[in-house]
């Protein structure tokens, strides 16, 4: 049985809603309370400890995440906001620069500081990872020669893009499925088109999944900071994750932007926990 390393990444500094740092702990408590068989798939659990840390919190957390991703184990990272991908993928790509990346998101996440309407780092991880803008000096330890190539990534769920992101997609060769594209195609089409694209560009013998929960429709995942209506169909997404699991190529995944403090009702929290648990189950089995 394939075993995974659970890595809690309580990074919230990439946006303004601090509760996103509680996503991993909240999901883990839900799985324990419901005696989920998913827990048997993990043989290691790692948590960030801020005791005795003296420098900037975000730098410390990125150091922790970057170091913990230097492993041969299958990685399941639970965030935390999407800025965490700067640390996780810069680490993963050092060991496996040809890893294909499937990026589930309502947003492009490829803004740079001069183009971002908000200035929030969680909207910029791919700008750094694709070398569209230099990292700040405080993140020097993340610098790498292994940047993501446009032909290395496939987007699913795009539907809320800023002007610079639209221009980037128009000018680059990045493969993407808008939410409408995604919902109108079959699982077989989504799977085959994505893998053929990666294979034709010499990527994808191993796969990383970066899954922002705002890629889903808010009715299926209400507890997130930047919800966008008309999101990805949940049953189709679960089927696609199952199909990806069957390839045995998925070696790392991250689920980000679950913010339990933004739940309006207990039912919202239950729905979000259940949806996220279902996504993990589809991807790694139980």
C-alpha atoms as a PDB file:
ATOM      1  CA  UNK A   1       0.000   0.000   0.000  1.00  0.00           C
ATOM      2  CA  UNK A   2       1.390   3.391  -1.025  1.00  0.00           C
ATOM      3  CA  UNK A   3       2.081   5.570   1.986  1.00  0.00           C
ATOM      4  CA  UNK A   4       2.086   9.366   2.122  1.00  0.00           C
ATOM      5  CA  UNK A   5       3.647  12.078   4.248  1.00  0.00           C
ATOM      6  CA  UNK A   6       1.127  14.581   5.627  1.00  0.00           C
ATOM      7  CA  UNK A   7       2.664  18.037   5.720  1.00  0.00           C
ATOM      8  CA  UNK A   8       0.747  20.819   7.461  1.00  0.00           C
ATOM      9  CA  UNK A   9       1.613  24.203   5.952  1.00  0.00           C
ATOM     10  CA  UNK A  10      -0.059  26.939   8.053  1.00  0.00           C
ATOM     11  CA  UNK A  11       0.955  29.826   5.793  1.00  0.00           C
ATOM     12  CA  UNK A  12      -1.495  32.726   5.843  1.00  0.00           C
ATOM     13  CA  UNK A  13       0.788  35.670   5.140  1.00  0.00           C
ATOM     14  CA  UNK A  14       0.109  35.560   1.390  1.00  0.00           C
ATOM     15  CA  UNK A  15      -3.313  37.182   1.887  1.00  0.00           C
ATOM     16  CA  UNK A  16      -5.387  38.882   4.607  1.00  0.00           C
ATOM     17  CA  UNK A  17      -7.519  36.124   6.159  1.00  0.00           C
ATOM     18  CA  UNK A  18      -5.435  34.596   8.945  1.00  0.00           C
ATOM     19  CA  UNK A  19      -7.801  31.667   9.485  1.00  0.00           C
ATOM     20  CA  UNK A  20      -6.480  29.930   6.386  1.00  0.00           C
ATOM     21  CA  UNK A  21      -3.565  28.733   8.518  1.00  0.00           C
ATOM     22  CA  UNK A  22      -6.060  26.456  10.308  1.00  0.00           C
ATOM     23  CA  UNK A  23      -7.052  24.479   7.216  1.00  0.00           C
ATOM     24  CA  UNK A  24      -4.766  21.507   7.760  1.00  0.00           C
ATOM     25  CA  UNK A  25      -5.481  21.138  11.467  1.00  0.00           C
ATOM     26  CA  UNK A  26      -9.229  21.460  10.895  1.00  0.00           C
ATOM     27  CA  UNK A  27      -9.281  18.780   8.223  1.00  0.00           C
ATOM     28  CA  UNK A  28      -7.124  16.455  10.311  1.00  0.00           C
ATOM     29  CA  UNK A  29      -9.451  16.857  13.306  1.00  0.00           C
ATOM     30  CA  UNK A  30     -12.420  16.062  11.052  1.00  0.00           C
ATOM     31  CA  UNK A  31     -10.743  12.898   9.752  1.00  0.00           C
ATOM     32  CA  UNK A  32      -9.893  11.791  13.271  1.00  0.00           C
ATOM     33  CA  UNK A  33     -13.361  12.575  14.629  1.00  0.00           C
ATOM     34  CA  UNK A  34     -14.992  10.561  11.840  1.00  0.00           C
ATOM     35  CA  UNK A  35     -12.449   7.722  12.162  1.00  0.00           C
ATOM     36  CA  UNK A  36     -11.649   8.080   8.495  1.00  0.00           C
ATOM     37  CA  UNK A  37      -9.738   5.193   6.912  1.00  0.00           C
ATOM     38  CA  UNK A  38      -7.825   7.854   4.998  1.00  0.00           C
ATOM     39  CA  UNK A  39      -5.552   8.247   8.004  1.00  0.00           C
ATOM     40  CA  UNK A  40      -4.109   4.781   7.380  1.00  0.00           C
ATOM     41  CA  UNK A  41      -2.594   6.103   4.147  1.00  0.00           C
ATOM     42  CA  UNK A  42      -0.197   8.342   6.081  1.00  0.00           C
ATOM     43  CA  UNK A  43       2.863   7.033   7.870  1.00  0.00           C
ATOM     44  CA  UNK A  44       4.287  10.427   8.786  1.00  0.00           C
ATOM     45  CA  UNK A  45       2.748  13.696   9.978  1.00  0.00           C
ATOM     46  CA  UNK A  46       4.799  16.888  10.089  1.00  0.00           C
ATOM     47  CA  UNK A  47       3.688  20.152  11.688  1.00  0.00           C
ATOM     48  CA  UNK A  48       5.314  23.561  11.785  1.00  0.00           C
ATOM     49  CA  UNK A  49       6.527  24.588  15.247  1.00  0.00           C
ATOM     50  CA  UNK A  50       6.996  28.324  15.735  1.00  0.00           C
ATOM     51  CA  UNK A  51       8.561  27.960  19.173  1.00  0.00           C
ATOM     52  CA  UNK A  52      11.864  29.782  19.587  1.00  0.00           C
ATOM     53  CA  UNK A  53      11.717  31.242  16.064  1.00  0.00           C
ATOM     54  CA  UNK A  54      13.293  34.673  15.933  1.00  0.00           C
ATOM     55  CA  UNK A  55      13.084  35.842  12.302  1.00  0.00           C
ATOM     56  CA  UNK A  56      10.084  36.640  10.128  1.00  0.00           C
ATOM     57  CA  UNK A  57       7.252  34.100  10.417  1.00  0.00           C
ATOM     58  CA  UNK A  58       6.646  33.673   6.708  1.00  0.00           C
ATOM     59  CA  UNK A  59      10.336  33.087   6.004  1.00  0.00           C
ATOM     60  CA  UNK A  60      10.443  30.487   8.781  1.00  0.00           C
ATOM     61  CA  UNK A  61       7.402  28.687   7.367  1.00  0.00           C
ATOM     62  CA  UNK A  62       8.794  28.703   3.846  1.00  0.00           C
ATOM     63  CA  UNK A  63      12.088  27.289   5.180  1.00  0.00           C
ATOM     64  CA  UNK A  64      10.156  24.537   6.982  1.00  0.00           C
ATOM     65  CA  UNK A  65       8.084  23.644   3.935  1.00  0.00           C
ATOM     66  CA  UNK A  66      11.016  23.780   1.538  1.00  0.00           C
ATOM     67  CA  UNK A  67      13.098  21.504   3.762  1.00  0.00           C
ATOM     68  CA  UNK A  68      10.292  19.003   4.373  1.00  0.00           C
ATOM     69  CA  UNK A  69       9.639  18.691   0.629  1.00  0.00           C
ATOM     70  CA  UNK A  70      13.183  17.421   0.126  1.00  0.00           C
ATOM     71  CA  UNK A  71      12.094  13.796   0.349  1.00  0.00           C
ATOM     72  CA  UNK A  72      11.483  10.739  -1.779  1.00  0.00           C
ATOM     73  CA  UNK A  73       8.185  10.132   0.004  1.00  0.00           C
ATOM     74  CA  UNK A  74       4.815  10.865  -1.545  1.00  0.00           C
ATOM     75  CA  UNK A  75       3.787  14.289  -0.231  1.00  0.00           C
ATOM     76  CA  UNK A  76       0.356  15.553   0.773  1.00  0.00           C
ATOM     77  CA  UNK A  77       0.573  19.240   1.710  1.00  0.00           C
ATOM     78  CA  UNK A  78      -2.441  20.866   3.367  1.00  0.00           C
ATOM     79  CA  UNK A  79      -2.468  24.661   3.532  1.00  0.00           C
ATOM     80  CA  UNK A  80      -2.459  27.366   4.091  1.00  0.00           C
ATOM     81  CA  UNK A  81      -2.767  29.891   1.253  1.00  0.00           C
ATOM     82  CA  UNK A  82      -1.484  29.333  -2.274  1.00  0.00           C
ATOM     83  CA  UNK A  83       1.729  31.288  -1.759  1.00  0.00           C
ATOM     84  CA  UNK A  84       3.030  28.103  -0.125  1.00  0.00           C
ATOM     85  CA  UNK A  85       3.581  26.696  -3.634  1.00  0.00           C
ATOM     86  CA  UNK A  86       6.621  28.951  -3.965  1.00  0.00           C
ATOM     87  CA  UNK A  87       8.335  26.919  -1.252  1.00  0.00           C
ATOM     88  CA  UNK A  88       6.920  23.488  -2.073  1.00  0.00           C
ATOM     89  CA  UNK A  89       7.495  23.490  -5.818  1.00  0.00           C
ATOM     90  CA  UNK A  90      10.884  25.203  -5.714  1.00  0.00           C
ATOM     91  CA  UNK A  91      11.942  22.300  -3.478  1.00  0.00           C
ATOM     92  CA  UNK A  92      10.221  19.500  -5.419  1.00  0.00           C
ATOM     93  CA  UNK A  93      11.580  20.696  -8.770  1.00  0.00           C
ATOM     94  CA  UNK A  94      15.157  20.621  -7.487  1.00  0.00           C
ATOM     95  CA  UNK A  95      14.878  16.842  -7.274  1.00  0.00           C
ATOM     96  CA  UNK A  96      12.495  16.341 -10.191  1.00  0.00           C
ATOM     97  CA  UNK A  97      12.620  19.229 -12.690  1.00  0.00           C
ATOM     98  CA  UNK A  98      10.473  17.319 -15.213  1.00  0.00           C
ATOM     99  CA  UNK A  99       7.498  16.849 -12.882  1.00  0.00           C
ATOM    100  CA  UNK A 100       4.236  17.767 -14.618  1.00  0.00           C
ATOM    101  CA  UNK A 101       2.000  20.206 -12.757  1.00  0.00           C
ATOM    102  CA  UNK A 102      -1.798  20.189 -12.713  1.00  0.00           C
ATOM    103  CA  UNK A 103      -3.038  23.477 -11.265  1.00  0.00           C
ATOM    104  CA  UNK A 104      -6.693  23.610 -10.168  1.00  0.00           C
ATOM    105  CA  UNK A 105      -7.739  27.216  -9.574  1.00  0.00           C
ATOM    106  CA  UNK A 106     -10.328  29.861 -10.377  1.00  0.00           C
ATOM    107  CA  UNK A 107      -7.456  32.352 -10.705  1.00  0.00           C
ATOM    108  CA  UNK A 108      -4.272  32.474 -12.755  1.00  0.00           C
ATOM    109  CA  UNK A 109      -1.899  33.035  -9.791  1.00  0.00           C
ATOM    110  CA  UNK A 110       0.638  34.458 -12.224  1.00  0.00           C
ATOM    111  CA  UNK A 111       0.430  38.152 -11.330  1.00  0.00           C
ATOM    112  CA  UNK A 112       3.621  39.941 -10.398  1.00  0.00           C
ATOM    113  CA  UNK A 113       3.973  42.818  -7.919  1.00  0.00           C
ATOM    114  CA  UNK A 114       3.471  45.467 -10.601  1.00  0.00           C
ATOM    115  CA  UNK A 115       0.359  43.865 -12.091  1.00  0.00           C
ATOM    116  CA  UNK A 116      -1.422  42.553  -9.010  1.00  0.00           C
ATOM    117  CA  UNK A 117      -4.518  44.564  -8.035  1.00  0.00           C
ATOM    118  CA  UNK A 118      -4.186  43.459  -4.394  1.00  0.00           C
ATOM    119  CA  UNK A 119      -0.463  42.922  -3.887  1.00  0.00           C
ATOM    120  CA  UNK A 120      -1.257  39.600  -2.198  1.00  0.00           C
ATOM    121  CA  UNK A 121       1.423  36.955  -2.625  1.00  0.00           C
ATOM    122  CA  UNK A 122      -1.114  34.122  -2.928  1.00  0.00           C
ATOM    123  CA  UNK A 123      -1.999  35.544  -6.344  1.00  0.00           C
ATOM    124  CA  UNK A 124       1.626  35.449  -7.506  1.00  0.00           C
ATOM    125  CA  UNK A 125       3.193  32.026  -6.869  1.00  0.00           C
ATOM    126  CA  UNK A 126       3.466  31.092 -10.539  1.00  0.00           C
ATOM    127  CA  UNK A 127       5.027  34.455 -11.387  1.00  0.00           C
ATOM    128  CA  UNK A 128       7.931  33.523  -9.123  1.00  0.00           C
ATOM    129  CA  UNK A 129       7.984  29.853 -10.078  1.00  0.00           C
ATOM    130  CA  UNK A 130       7.941  30.671 -13.809  1.00  0.00           C
ATOM    131  CA  UNK A 131      10.594  33.384 -13.390  1.00  0.00           C
ATOM    132  CA  UNK A 132       8.300  36.227 -14.453  1.00  0.00           C
ATOM    133  CA  UNK A 133       9.520  38.265 -11.508  1.00  0.00           C
ATOM    134  CA  UNK A 134      12.487  37.898  -9.113  1.00  0.00           C
ATOM    135  CA  UNK A 135      12.047  36.657  -5.590  1.00  0.00           C
ATOM    136  CA  UNK A 136      12.498  39.096  -2.765  1.00  0.00           C
ATOM    137  CA  UNK A 137      15.854  38.893  -1.005  1.00  0.00           C
ATOM    138  CA  UNK A 138      14.248  37.361   2.092  1.00  0.00           C
ATOM    139  CA  UNK A 139      13.438  34.292  -0.020  1.00  0.00           C
ATOM    140  CA  UNK A 140      16.932  33.833  -1.454  1.00  0.00           C
ATOM    141  CA  UNK A 141      17.059  30.282  -0.117  1.00  0.00           C
ATOM    142  CA  UNK A 142      14.247  29.334  -2.533  1.00  0.00           C
ATOM    143  CA  UNK A 143      16.078  30.426  -5.656  1.00  0.00           C
ATOM    144  CA  UNK A 144      16.571  27.650  -8.159  1.00  0.00           C
ATOM    145  CA  UNK A 145      17.618  27.042 -11.743  1.00  0.00           C
ATOM    146  CA  UNK A 146      14.613  24.765 -12.140  1.00  0.00           C
ATOM    147  CA  UNK A 147      11.776  27.120 -13.028  1.00  0.00           C
ATOM    148  CA  UNK A 148       8.431  25.867 -14.274  1.00  0.00           C
ATOM    149  CA  UNK A 149       8.248  25.898 -18.062  1.00  0.00           C
ATOM    150  CA  UNK A 150       4.974  26.964 -19.713  1.00  0.00           C
ATOM    151  CA  UNK A 151       4.738  23.514 -21.311  1.00  0.00           C
ATOM    152  CA  UNK A 152       5.032  21.890 -17.879  1.00  0.00           C
ATOM    153  CA  UNK A 153       1.714  23.017 -16.425  1.00  0.00           C
ATOM    154  CA  UNK A 154      -1.982  22.516 -17.132  1.00  0.00           C
ATOM    155  CA  UNK A 155      -4.626  24.741 -15.544  1.00  0.00           C
ATOM    156  CA  UNK A 156      -8.138  23.579 -14.612  1.00  0.00           C
ATOM    157  CA  UNK A 157     -10.970  25.920 -13.622  1.00  0.00           C
ATOM    158  CA  UNK A 158      -9.868  29.401 -14.700  1.00  0.00           C
ATOM    159  CA  UNK A 159     -12.674  31.966 -14.623  1.00  0.00           C
ATOM    160  CA  UNK A 160     -11.439  35.074 -12.762  1.00  0.00           C
ATOM    161  CA  UNK A 161      -8.339  36.503 -14.419  1.00  0.00           C
ATOM    162  CA  UNK A 162      -6.661  39.882 -14.158  1.00  0.00           C
ATOM    163  CA  UNK A 163      -5.608  41.675 -17.386  1.00  0.00           C
ATOM    164  CA  UNK A 164      -1.918  40.779 -17.129  1.00  0.00           C
ATOM    165  CA  UNK A 165      -2.832  37.131 -16.578  1.00  0.00           C
ATOM    166  CA  UNK A 166      -5.013  37.141 -19.701  1.00  0.00           C
ATOM    167  CA  UNK A 167      -2.121  38.618 -21.672  1.00  0.00           C
ATOM    168  CA  UNK A 168       0.259  35.990 -20.307  1.00  0.00           C
ATOM    169  CA  UNK A 169      -2.049  33.133 -21.290  1.00  0.00           C
ATOM    170  CA  UNK A 170      -2.491  34.619 -24.756  1.00  0.00           C
ATOM    171  CA  UNK A 171       1.256  34.980 -25.280  1.00  0.00           C
ATOM    172  CA  UNK A 172       2.435  31.703 -23.733  1.00  0.00           C
ATOM    173  CA  UNK A 173       1.857  28.086 -24.599  1.00  0.00           C
ATOM    174  CA  UNK A 174       0.271  27.218 -21.259  1.00  0.00           C
ATOM    175  CA  UNK A 175      -2.498  24.642 -21.577  1.00  0.00           C
ATOM    176  CA  UNK A 176      -5.654  25.587 -19.718  1.00  0.00           C
ATOM    177  CA  UNK A 177      -9.266  24.572 -19.314  1.00  0.00           C
ATOM    178  CA  UNK A 178     -11.639  27.289 -18.207  1.00  0.00           C
ATOM    179  CA  UNK A 179     -14.348  26.176 -15.817  1.00  0.00           C
ATOM    180  CA  UNK A 180     -16.791  26.083 -18.743  1.00  0.00           C
ATOM    181  CA  UNK A 181     -14.370  24.012 -20.844  1.00  0.00           C
ATOM    182  CA  UNK A 182     -13.859  21.650 -17.956  1.00  0.00           C
ATOM    183  CA  UNK A 183     -17.534  21.183 -17.185  1.00  0.00           C
ATOM    184  CA  UNK A 184     -18.354  20.555 -20.856  1.00  0.00           C
ATOM    185  CA  UNK A 185     -15.711  17.875 -21.395  1.00  0.00           C
ATOM    186  CA  UNK A 186     -15.669  14.297 -20.215  1.00  0.00           C
ATOM    187  CA  UNK A 187     -13.207  12.991 -17.664  1.00  0.00           C
ATOM    188  CA  UNK A 188     -11.561  10.958 -20.438  1.00  0.00           C
ATOM    189  CA  UNK A 189     -11.090  14.085 -22.552  1.00  0.00           C
ATOM    190  CA  UNK A 190      -9.650  16.116 -19.683  1.00  0.00           C
ATOM    191  CA  UNK A 191      -7.299  13.315 -18.731  1.00  0.00           C
ATOM    192  CA  UNK A 192      -6.095  12.421 -22.213  1.00  0.00           C
ATOM    193  CA  UNK A 193      -5.663  16.006 -23.430  1.00  0.00           C
ATOM    194  CA  UNK A 194      -3.684  16.958 -20.330  1.00  0.00           C
ATOM    195  CA  UNK A 195      -1.362  13.976 -20.370  1.00  0.00           C
ATOM    196  CA  UNK A 196      -0.811  14.147 -24.113  1.00  0.00           C
ATOM    197  CA  UNK A 197       0.155  17.816 -23.782  1.00  0.00           C
ATOM    198  CA  UNK A 198       2.648  17.084 -21.000  1.00  0.00           C
ATOM    199  CA  UNK A 199       4.051  14.025 -22.765  1.00  0.00           C
ATOM    200  CA  UNK A 200       4.494  15.878 -26.066  1.00  0.00           C
ATOM    201  CA  UNK A 201       6.588  18.423 -24.171  1.00  0.00           C
ATOM    202  CA  UNK A 202       8.660  15.794 -22.322  1.00  0.00           C
ATOM    203  CA  UNK A 203       6.995  16.303 -18.940  1.00  0.00           C
ATOM    204  CA  UNK A 204       4.664  14.257 -16.779  1.00  0.00           C
ATOM    205  CA  UNK A 205       6.387  10.988 -15.904  1.00  0.00           C
ATOM    206  CA  UNK A 206       5.616  12.198 -12.391  1.00  0.00           C
ATOM    207  CA  UNK A 207       2.860  14.604 -11.408  1.00  0.00           C
ATOM    208  CA  UNK A 208       2.295  17.345  -8.829  1.00  0.00           C
ATOM    209  CA  UNK A 209      -1.266  18.516  -8.163  1.00  0.00           C
ATOM    210  CA  UNK A 210      -1.803  22.030  -6.821  1.00  0.00           C
ATOM    211  CA  UNK A 211      -5.455  22.279  -5.851  1.00  0.00           C
ATOM    212  CA  UNK A 212      -6.979  25.561  -4.739  1.00  0.00           C
ATOM    213  CA  UNK A 213     -10.407  24.819  -3.283  1.00  0.00           C
ATOM    214  CA  UNK A 214     -11.792  27.936  -4.967  1.00  0.00           C
ATOM    215  CA  UNK A 215     -11.583  25.995  -8.225  1.00  0.00           C
ATOM    216  CA  UNK A 216     -14.766  24.295  -7.022  1.00  0.00           C
ATOM    217  CA  UNK A 217     -18.166  25.918  -6.890  1.00  0.00           C
ATOM    218  CA  UNK A 218     -18.886  27.761  -3.612  1.00  0.00           C
ATOM    219  CA  UNK A 219     -21.910  25.539  -3.003  1.00  0.00           C
ATOM    220  CA  UNK A 220     -19.509  22.594  -2.714  1.00  0.00           C
ATOM    221  CA  UNK A 221     -16.749  24.473  -0.902  1.00  0.00           C
ATOM    222  CA  UNK A 222     -18.054  27.602   0.853  1.00  0.00           C
ATOM    223  CA  UNK A 223     -15.186  28.137   3.311  1.00  0.00           C
ATOM    224  CA  UNK A 224     -12.557  29.946   1.268  1.00  0.00           C
ATOM    225  CA  UNK A 225     -11.402  33.535   0.910  1.00  0.00           C
ATOM    226  CA  UNK A 226     -11.825  34.152  -2.826  1.00  0.00           C
ATOM    227  CA  UNK A 227     -14.876  32.134  -3.970  1.00  0.00           C
ATOM    228  CA  UNK A 228     -15.992  32.403  -7.586  1.00  0.00           C
ATOM    229  CA  UNK A 229     -19.341  31.108  -8.815  1.00  0.00           C
ATOM    230  CA  UNK A 230     -19.794  28.563 -11.590  1.00  0.00           C
ATOM    231  CA  UNK A 231     -16.891  26.431 -10.478  1.00  0.00           C
ATOM    232  CA  UNK A 232     -15.718  22.959 -11.339  1.00  0.00           C
ATOM    233  CA  UNK A 233     -18.244  20.160 -11.174  1.00  0.00           C
ATOM    234  CA  UNK A 234     -17.473  18.220  -8.000  1.00  0.00           C
ATOM    235  CA  UNK A 235     -18.411  14.668  -9.130  1.00  0.00           C
ATOM    236  CA  UNK A 236     -16.354  15.137 -12.301  1.00  0.00           C
ATOM    237  CA  UNK A 237     -13.427  16.449 -10.270  1.00  0.00           C
ATOM    238  CA  UNK A 238     -13.520  13.465  -7.947  1.00  0.00           C
ATOM    239  CA  UNK A 239     -13.602  11.149 -10.960  1.00  0.00           C
ATOM    240  CA  UNK A 240     -10.631  12.948 -12.511  1.00  0.00           C
ATOM    241  CA  UNK A 241      -8.643  12.709  -9.270  1.00  0.00           C
ATOM    242  CA  UNK A 242      -9.411   8.977  -9.152  1.00  0.00           C
ATOM    243  CA  UNK A 243      -8.237   8.614 -12.729  1.00  0.00           C
ATOM    244  CA  UNK A 244      -5.032  10.463 -11.912  1.00  0.00           C
ATOM    245  CA  UNK A 245      -4.494   8.199  -8.915  1.00  0.00           C
ATOM    246  CA  UNK A 246      -4.736   5.122 -11.118  1.00  0.00           C
ATOM    247  CA  UNK A 247      -1.719   6.259 -13.142  1.00  0.00           C
ATOM    248  CA  UNK A 248       0.478   5.988 -10.020  1.00  0.00           C
ATOM    249  CA  UNK A 249       2.296   9.057 -11.349  1.00  0.00           C
ATOM    250  CA  UNK A 250       1.063  11.511  -8.694  1.00  0.00           C
ATOM    251  CA  UNK A 251       3.954  11.906  -6.269  1.00  0.00           C
ATOM    252  CA  UNK A 252       2.979  15.156  -4.571  1.00  0.00           C
ATOM    253  CA  UNK A 253      -0.138  17.228  -4.013  1.00  0.00           C
ATOM    254  CA  UNK A 254      -1.200  20.324  -2.153  1.00  0.00           C
ATOM    255  CA  UNK A 255      -4.685  21.467  -1.190  1.00  0.00           C
ATOM    256  CA  UNK A 256      -4.860  25.146  -0.336  1.00  0.00           C
ATOM    257  CA  UNK A 257      -7.093  28.062   0.702  1.00  0.00           C
ATOM    258  CA  UNK A 258      -9.434  26.184   3.072  1.00  0.00           C
ATOM    259  CA  UNK A 259     -10.325  28.792   5.703  1.00  0.00           C
ATOM    260  CA  UNK A 260     -12.563  27.419   8.466  1.00  0.00           C
ATOM    261  CA  UNK A 261     -12.947  30.889  10.000  1.00  0.00           C
ATOM    262  CA  UNK A 262     -14.852  32.027   6.904  1.00  0.00           C
ATOM    263  CA  UNK A 263     -17.576  29.407   7.296  1.00  0.00           C
ATOM    264  CA  UNK A 264     -20.910  31.149   7.821  1.00  0.00           C
ATOM    265  CA  UNK A 265     -22.632  28.153   9.429  1.00  0.00           C
ATOM    266  CA  UNK A 266     -21.727  24.770  10.919  1.00  0.00           C
ATOM    267  CA  UNK A 267     -23.197  23.265   7.761  1.00  0.00           C
ATOM    268  CA  UNK A 268     -20.667  25.201   5.671  1.00  0.00           C
ATOM    269  CA  UNK A 269     -17.829  23.789   7.740  1.00  0.00           C
ATOM    270  CA  UNK A 270     -19.199  20.264   7.464  1.00  0.00           C
ATOM    271  CA  UNK A 271     -19.608  20.650   3.699  1.00  0.00           C
ATOM    272  CA  UNK A 272     -16.071  21.933   3.229  1.00  0.00           C
ATOM    273  CA  UNK A 273     -14.520  19.226   5.398  1.00  0.00           C
ATOM    274  CA  UNK A 274     -16.492  16.543   3.586  1.00  0.00           C
ATOM    275  CA  UNK A 275     -15.581  17.874   0.146  1.00  0.00           C
ATOM    276  CA  UNK A 276     -11.901  18.142   0.949  1.00  0.00           C
ATOM    277  CA  UNK A 277     -11.863  14.689   2.519  1.00  0.00           C
ATOM    278  CA  UNK A 278     -13.527  13.314  -0.612  1.00  0.00           C
ATOM    279  CA  UNK A 279     -10.863  14.897  -2.798  1.00  0.00           C
ATOM    280  CA  UNK A 280      -8.085  13.276  -0.762  1.00  0.00           C
ATOM    281  CA  UNK A 281      -9.875   9.943  -0.841  1.00  0.00           C
ATOM    282  CA  UNK A 282     -10.260  10.124  -4.620  1.00  0.00           C
ATOM    283  CA  UNK A 283      -6.578  10.925  -5.059  1.00  0.00           C
ATOM    284  CA  UNK A 284      -4.928   8.507  -2.640  1.00  0.00           C
ATOM    285  CA  UNK A 285      -7.662   5.958  -1.907  1.00  0.00           C
ATOM    286  CA  UNK A 286      -8.793   4.632   1.429  1.00  0.00           C
END
